[in-house]
Amino acid sequence: MSFRTERFTTIFEFYTTKQSHFYRNVSFLAFYTLNLNSTNLDGNIYVNCALAAVVDMASYLVMAFMLSKLGRRGSTVLCHLFSGILCLVTPFVREGKSDLLHF
């Protein structure tokens, strides 16, 4: 292995590591922002917390299935793509339709 190849490998590993840390931090920030903000929804605070816990447990099961079928890279891409689409659709949701689970 020549010096040029070693240098390219080191730079590539550096950028791959930085990109991996960036994706991990973005995922953690989105998860904790949505999870901690669930108590600020309209309705009963305890019901909202229970619904958030149920969704959280279901997400662990779905992610275990996705990781076994798609692998780490495929599941990450699919989840970030789905999250991005939902973020783009959010402004078009009408305000009057937010009380579907109003207790």
Foldseek 3Di string as FASTA:
>chain_A
DDPVVVVVVVVVVVVVVVVVVVLVVVVVVVVVVVLVCQCVDAADSVVSNVVSVVVVVVVVVVVVVCCVPPNDVRVSVVVVVVVVVCVVCVVVDDPVPPVPPHD
